[in-house]
Amino acid sequence: MATGKDRQKQLAREHYERQMQRRLEREQKAKRTAIIGSTVGVVIVVGGIVAAVAFLGGGDTGTDAAASPSTPPADTASAAPSTGPKPYDAATGTCDYVADTSGGQVKDVGMPPTKVKTTPATKTMTFKTNVGDIVVELDNAKAPCTTNSLEFLAKKKYYDGSKCHRLGSAKFPMLQCGDPTAKADGKSQDGAGGPGYVMAEENLQGAQYKRGVMAMAKTQAPGSTGSQFFLVFGDIGLTPDYTPVGTITKGLDILDKVNKAGVIADMGDGTGAPKQTVEIKDVTIAGKS
C-alpha cells in the first residue's frame, strides 16, 4: 500500500513532468535561429566556451540551449518532418515555401514565386551598407530556392534599413544579419524577425563554412531557413546543416574592420551586437553569365 510519503513523491514527480512539458512547448513555440558549432575550435559547453548565434523570440528570455560535448546538437537531424517544406523539385522546377508557425516577429511581404530557374548558374547580390558595399556571388544552380527567396526579398525592399545584429568572436567569426526588426543595440533580444515563411535547406553535401562564405541561419529544426544569414570572415567548424548560398567577392575587409571594433556587450555565448553599426541600405540581385 502506498504511503503518504510515496503519494507526495508521486505528486511532486507529476508536477515536475508538467513543468518540463510546458517548458518544452514554450521552447518549441519560441522562434530561434541558432548557429551552433560542434567541431574543433567551436565547442559547445554549458558554462564553458560557447559559440552560438541564438534567434530569440516568443517571450523566451534565455539564450539557445547548449549541447554537451558528447551530445550532437539538435540541428543535425537528417530529415525534415512530413509537414515541413519540401526541397527543390528538379522535375518541375519548383520550390516549397510554407508559413512559419513558430512565432516571432514577422515583416510580411508575401510568399516568393514557387517556379524557379537554375540558370544563370550564379547571380550577384550587392548589399549597400553604411560602411561600404558587400558583394556576394550566389550559387543559383545549387541553391535555387534560397537564391529565389533572397531575390524576392530584395525586390520587396525587405532588408532595407535593417541592421546586422550579431557579431561572433575569433572562435566564431561571423556577422549575422537579416532580421528586419533588429535594433542591434546590445540590449534588445534581436533575432526574432522573419518573413513569415520558411524553406528547406539546400546545398548541404560537403558544406563548409570557411572565410568568404555566406550561409543561411536557421533553428535547430530542419526546414526552418528564413531570411537571416551569416557572413563568415574566418573559418567555422559547423556541421553541414546551414545552406551555403554564396561566396563573398567584395567586402571581406569591411567585415574584418567590424570584427576589429568588437561587440557592445558579450551575450555570454561569445557573440554580441557589433560596436560598428552595419546597416543595410539597399539590396540588389543581378544575373551573371
Protein backbone atom coordinates (compact mmCIF):
# COMPACT_ATOMS: atom_id res chain seq x y z
CA MET A 1 0.00 0.00 0.00
CA ALA A 2 1.33 3.41 -0.93
CA THR A 3 2.24 5.62 1.99
CA GLY A 4 1.57 9.34 2.30
CA LYS A 5 5.22 9.97 1.59
CA ASP A 6 5.03 7.88 -1.58
CA ARG A 7 1.97 9.84 -2.68
CA GLN A 8 3.81 13.11 -2.09
CA LYS A 9 6.72 11.87 -4.19
CA GLN A 10 4.34 10.87 -6.98
CA LEU A 11 2.61 14.27 -6.94
CA ALA A 12 5.96 16.06 -6.95
CA ARG A 13 7.12 13.95 -9.89
CA GLU A 14 3.93 14.65 -11.84
CA HIS A 15 4.24 18.37 -11.10
CA TYR A 16 7.84 18.33 -12.34
CA GLU A 17 6.83 16.47 -15.53
CA ARG A 18 4.09 19.02 -16.23
CA GLN A 19 6.59 21.84 -15.75
CA MET A 20 9.02 20.21 -18.17
CA GLN A 21 6.27 19.66 -20.72
CA ARG A 22 5.20 23.31 -20.55
CA ARG A 23 8.81 24.41 -20.87
CA LEU A 24 9.29 22.18 -23.90
CA GLU A 25 6.15 23.59 -25.52
CA ARG A 26 7.37 27.14 -24.89
CA GLU A 27 10.76 26.35 -26.38
CA GLN A 28 9.21 24.72 -29.42
CA LYS A 29 6.97 27.71 -29.95
CA ALA A 30 9.75 30.22 -29.40
CA LYS A 31 11.35 31.50 -32.58
CA ARG A 32 15.01 30.51 -32.59
CA THR A 33 17.69 30.65 -35.19
CA ALA A 34 20.85 29.03 -33.90
CA ILE A 35 24.22 28.57 -35.45
CA ILE A 36 25.90 26.06 -33.18
CA GLY A 37 29.46 24.90 -33.71
CA SER A 38 30.22 21.34 -32.68
CA THR A 39 33.69 20.70 -34.03
CA VAL A 40 37.23 21.74 -33.14
CA GLY A 41 37.52 25.45 -32.47
CA VAL A 42 33.83 25.90 -31.72
CA VAL A 43 32.97 23.73 -28.72
CA ILE A 44 29.58 23.81 -27.07
CA VAL A 45 29.99 23.53 -23.30
CA VAL A 46 27.47 24.56 -20.68
CA GLY A 47 29.22 27.23 -18.61
CA GLY A 48 32.34 26.96 -20.81
CA ILE A 49 33.25 28.09 -24.29
CA VAL A 50 30.03 28.77 -26.16
CA ALA A 51 29.87 29.97 -29.75
CA ALA A 52 26.25 30.28 -30.78
CA VAL A 53 24.04 32.73 -32.56
CA ALA A 54 20.61 32.40 -30.98
CA PHE A 55 17.43 33.63 -32.58
CA LEU A 56 15.28 34.60 -29.60
CA GLY A 57 11.58 35.21 -29.51
CA GLY A 58 8.21 34.01 -28.40
CA GLY A 59 8.71 35.54 -24.98
CA ASP A 60 11.73 33.35 -24.25
CA THR A 61 14.36 35.37 -22.42
CA GLY A 62 17.13 32.79 -22.40
CA THR A 63 19.81 32.04 -24.96
CA ASP A 64 19.61 28.95 -27.11
CA ALA A 65 20.23 25.78 -25.14
CA ALA A 66 23.76 24.46 -25.46
CA ALA A 67 24.51 20.81 -26.01
CA SER A 68 27.10 18.90 -24.04
CA PRO A 69 30.27 17.97 -25.98
CA SER A 70 29.21 14.33 -26.12
CA THR A 71 25.73 15.04 -27.43
CA PRO A 72 25.20 16.02 -31.09
CA PRO A 73 23.37 19.35 -31.43
CA ALA A 74 19.67 19.04 -32.21
CA ASP A 75 20.23 20.76 -35.55
CA THR A 76 21.87 17.65 -37.02
CA ALA A 77 18.55 15.95 -37.77
CA SER A 78 18.74 14.40 -41.23
CA ALA A 79 15.15 14.62 -42.34
CA ALA A 80 12.51 17.32 -42.26
CA PRO A 81 9.13 16.48 -40.74
CA SER A 82 6.48 15.46 -43.28
CA THR A 83 4.62 18.70 -42.70
CA GLY A 84 7.72 20.83 -43.31
CA PRO A 85 8.81 22.46 -46.58
CA LYS A 86 9.91 20.11 -49.33
CA PRO A 87 13.25 20.50 -51.09
CA TYR A 88 13.63 21.80 -54.64
CA ASP A 89 11.85 19.60 -57.19
CA ALA A 90 14.11 19.43 -60.24
CA ALA A 91 11.46 17.63 -62.30
CA THR A 92 9.02 20.53 -62.06
CA GLY A 93 11.46 23.33 -61.27
CA THR A 94 9.52 24.32 -58.17
CA CYS A 95 10.31 25.30 -54.58
CA ASP A 96 8.21 24.88 -51.49
CA TYR A 97 7.73 27.84 -49.16
CA VAL A 98 5.46 27.29 -46.18
CA ALA A 99 4.08 29.54 -43.46
CA ASP A 100 6.32 29.85 -40.42
CA THR A 101 4.18 28.85 -37.45
CA SER A 102 6.88 29.01 -34.79
CA GLY A 103 6.18 32.56 -33.70
CA GLY A 104 8.45 35.59 -33.74
CA GLN A 105 8.09 39.00 -35.34
CA VAL A 106 7.06 39.00 -38.98
CA LYS A 107 7.66 41.55 -41.70
CA ASP A 108 5.09 40.21 -44.12
CA VAL A 109 5.92 40.82 -47.77
CA GLY A 110 4.13 37.76 -49.11
CA MET A 111 5.49 34.48 -50.45
CA PRO A 112 8.14 34.05 -53.17
CA PRO A 113 7.06 32.54 -56.50
CA THR A 114 7.45 28.76 -56.43
CA LYS A 115 8.59 28.35 -60.04
CA VAL A 116 12.32 28.97 -60.34
CA LYS A 117 15.16 28.55 -62.82
CA THR A 118 18.63 27.26 -62.07
CA THR A 119 20.09 29.43 -64.81
CA PRO A 120 22.09 31.56 -64.78
CA ALA A 121 24.24 29.39 -62.55
CA THR A 122 25.28 32.38 -60.46
CA LYS A 123 23.76 35.71 -59.51
CA THR A 124 25.37 38.74 -57.94
CA MET A 125 23.93 40.08 -54.70
CA THR A 126 25.05 43.53 -53.61
CA PHE A 127 24.46 44.85 -50.11
CA LYS A 128 24.84 48.60 -49.96
CA THR A 129 25.61 49.41 -46.34
CA ASN A 130 26.63 52.43 -44.31
CA VAL A 131 30.20 51.07 -44.22
CA GLY A 132 30.52 50.12 -47.89
CA ASP A 133 29.36 47.53 -50.39
CA ILE A 134 29.41 43.81 -49.68
CA VAL A 135 29.06 41.70 -52.82
CA VAL A 136 28.16 38.01 -52.85
CA GLU A 137 28.13 35.59 -55.76
CA LEU A 138 25.03 33.46 -55.18
CA ASP A 139 25.07 29.81 -56.25
CA ASN A 140 21.75 29.70 -58.07
CA ALA A 141 22.45 26.27 -59.56
CA LYS A 142 22.94 24.54 -56.20
CA ALA A 143 20.69 26.69 -54.00
CA PRO A 144 17.89 27.84 -56.34
CA CYS A 145 15.14 28.11 -53.73
CA THR A 146 17.29 30.13 -51.34
CA THR A 147 18.51 32.38 -54.15
CA ASN A 148 14.94 32.86 -55.34
CA SER A 149 13.85 33.81 -51.82
CA LEU A 150 16.69 36.31 -51.42
CA GLU A 151 15.87 37.86 -54.78
CA PHE A 152 12.20 38.12 -53.83
CA LEU A 153 13.01 39.76 -50.50
CA ALA A 154 15.44 42.16 -52.18
CA LYS A 155 12.79 43.28 -54.68
CA LYS A 156 10.34 43.80 -51.82
CA LYS A 157 12.91 46.04 -50.03
CA TYR A 158 12.64 43.65 -47.10
CA TYR A 159 16.24 44.16 -45.96
CA ASP A 160 16.36 47.93 -46.47
CA GLY A 161 17.07 49.74 -43.21
CA SER A 162 17.85 46.55 -41.28
CA LYS A 163 20.90 46.19 -39.04
CA CYS A 164 23.27 43.27 -38.67
CA HIS A 165 22.61 42.26 -35.10
CA ARG A 166 25.24 39.72 -34.06
CA LEU A 167 28.99 39.51 -34.36
CA GLY A 168 30.99 36.46 -33.39
CA SER A 169 34.39 36.29 -31.72
CA ALA A 170 37.64 34.92 -33.12
CA LYS A 171 36.36 31.42 -32.30
CA PHE A 172 33.11 32.08 -34.15
CA PRO A 173 33.99 34.60 -36.88
CA MET A 174 30.74 35.65 -38.50
CA LEU A 175 28.34 38.56 -38.76
CA GLN A 176 24.63 37.69 -38.68
CA CYS A 177 22.08 39.87 -40.46
CA GLY A 178 18.63 39.62 -41.98
CA ASP A 179 16.30 40.37 -39.06
CA PRO A 180 14.35 43.45 -40.27
CA THR A 181 13.26 44.22 -36.69
CA ALA A 182 16.71 44.12 -35.08
CA LYS A 183 17.91 47.17 -33.15
CA ALA A 184 21.50 45.93 -32.78
CA ASP A 185 21.93 47.97 -29.61
CA GLY A 186 23.25 45.30 -27.29
CA LYS A 187 20.10 45.49 -25.20
CA SER A 188 17.32 44.13 -27.39
CA GLN A 189 16.67 40.46 -27.93
CA ASP A 190 17.35 40.72 -31.62
CA GLY A 191 16.97 37.79 -33.97
CA ALA A 192 13.22 37.17 -33.71
CA GLY A 193 12.31 38.76 -37.03
CA GLY A 194 11.48 36.86 -40.19
CA PRO A 195 9.44 36.96 -43.40
CA GLY A 196 6.65 34.69 -42.16
CA TYR A 197 7.72 31.71 -44.27
CA VAL A 198 10.41 29.04 -44.19
CA MET A 199 12.05 26.73 -46.71
CA ALA A 200 14.13 23.57 -46.82
CA GLU A 201 17.91 23.76 -46.55
CA GLU A 202 19.95 23.25 -49.74
CA ASN A 203 23.48 22.59 -50.98
CA LEU A 204 24.47 20.79 -47.78
CA GLN A 205 26.59 17.98 -49.21
CA GLY A 206 30.18 18.67 -48.21
CA ALA A 207 29.21 22.12 -46.94
CA GLN A 208 31.99 24.03 -45.18
CA TYR A 209 31.82 27.42 -43.53
CA LYS A 210 35.17 28.98 -44.33
CA ARG A 211 36.18 32.61 -44.74
CA GLY A 212 34.13 34.21 -47.50
CA VAL A 213 31.04 32.02 -47.23
CA MET A 214 27.53 33.41 -46.95
CA ALA A 215 25.15 30.90 -45.38
CA MET A 216 21.60 30.95 -44.07
CA ALA A 217 20.74 30.89 -40.39
CA LYS A 218 18.05 28.53 -39.12
CA THR A 219 16.56 27.00 -35.99
CA GLN A 220 17.66 23.60 -34.77
CA ALA A 221 14.77 22.06 -36.68
CA PRO A 222 15.28 21.15 -40.34
CA GLY A 223 13.28 23.10 -42.90
CA SER A 224 13.47 26.32 -40.88
CA THR A 225 15.54 28.60 -43.10
CA GLY A 226 14.05 32.09 -43.35
CA SER A 227 15.56 35.49 -44.12
CA GLN A 228 18.51 35.60 -41.73
CA PHE A 229 22.02 34.86 -42.93
CA PHE A 230 25.59 34.98 -41.70
CA LEU A 231 28.73 36.26 -43.38
CA VAL A 232 31.85 34.31 -42.45
CA PHE A 233 35.16 36.17 -42.14
CA GLY A 234 37.15 33.28 -40.66
CA ASP A 235 36.76 29.51 -40.59
CA ILE A 236 33.93 27.98 -38.53
CA GLY A 237 33.67 24.29 -37.72
CA LEU A 238 29.95 23.76 -38.23
CA THR A 239 28.09 20.62 -39.17
CA PRO A 240 26.67 20.85 -42.73
CA ASP A 241 23.17 21.94 -41.75
CA TYR A 242 23.06 25.55 -42.92
CA THR A 243 22.54 26.42 -46.58
CA PRO A 244 25.77 27.81 -48.09
CA VAL A 245 24.20 30.15 -50.61
CA GLY A 246 27.16 32.11 -51.91
CA THR A 247 30.69 33.45 -51.75
CA ILE A 248 31.70 36.95 -50.72
CA THR A 249 33.65 38.54 -53.58
CA LYS A 250 33.90 42.05 -52.14
CA GLY A 251 33.67 43.40 -48.60
CA LEU A 252 35.67 40.97 -46.50
CA ASP A 253 37.84 43.93 -45.48
CA ILE A 254 34.66 45.59 -44.17
CA LEU A 255 33.84 42.53 -42.09
CA ASP A 256 37.39 42.49 -40.73
CA LYS A 257 37.03 46.13 -39.62
CA VAL A 258 33.67 45.43 -37.99
CA ASN A 259 35.21 42.47 -36.20
CA LYS A 260 38.17 44.56 -35.01
CA ALA A 261 35.78 47.09 -33.44
CA GLY A 262 34.33 44.33 -31.27
CA VAL A 263 30.92 43.97 -29.65
CA ILE A 264 28.89 46.26 -27.42
CA ALA A 265 28.50 43.53 -24.81
CA ASP A 266 29.16 39.80 -24.92
CA MET A 267 25.84 37.98 -24.63
CA GLY A 268 27.59 35.19 -22.74
CA ASP A 269 27.98 32.98 -25.80
CA GLY A 270 30.94 34.69 -27.46
CA THR A 271 28.73 36.94 -29.60
CA GLY A 272 27.07 40.32 -29.30
CA ALA A 273 25.80 43.34 -31.18
CA PRO A 274 28.68 44.89 -33.15
CA LYS A 275 30.06 48.21 -31.91
CA GLN A 276 30.41 49.27 -35.52
CA THR A 277 26.85 49.52 -36.77
CA VAL A 278 26.25 47.78 -40.09
CA GLU A 279 23.01 48.97 -41.63
CA ILE A 280 21.80 47.56 -44.94
CA LYS A 281 20.60 50.45 -47.08
CA ASP A 282 19.68 48.56 -50.25
CA VAL A 283 19.99 45.09 -51.76
CA THR A 284 20.09 44.24 -55.45
CA ILE A 285 20.50 40.91 -57.23
CA ALA A 286 21.50 40.59 -60.87
CA GLY A 287 22.08 37.60 -63.12
CA LYS A 288 25.59 36.70 -64.22
CA SER A 289 26.57 34.84 -67.37
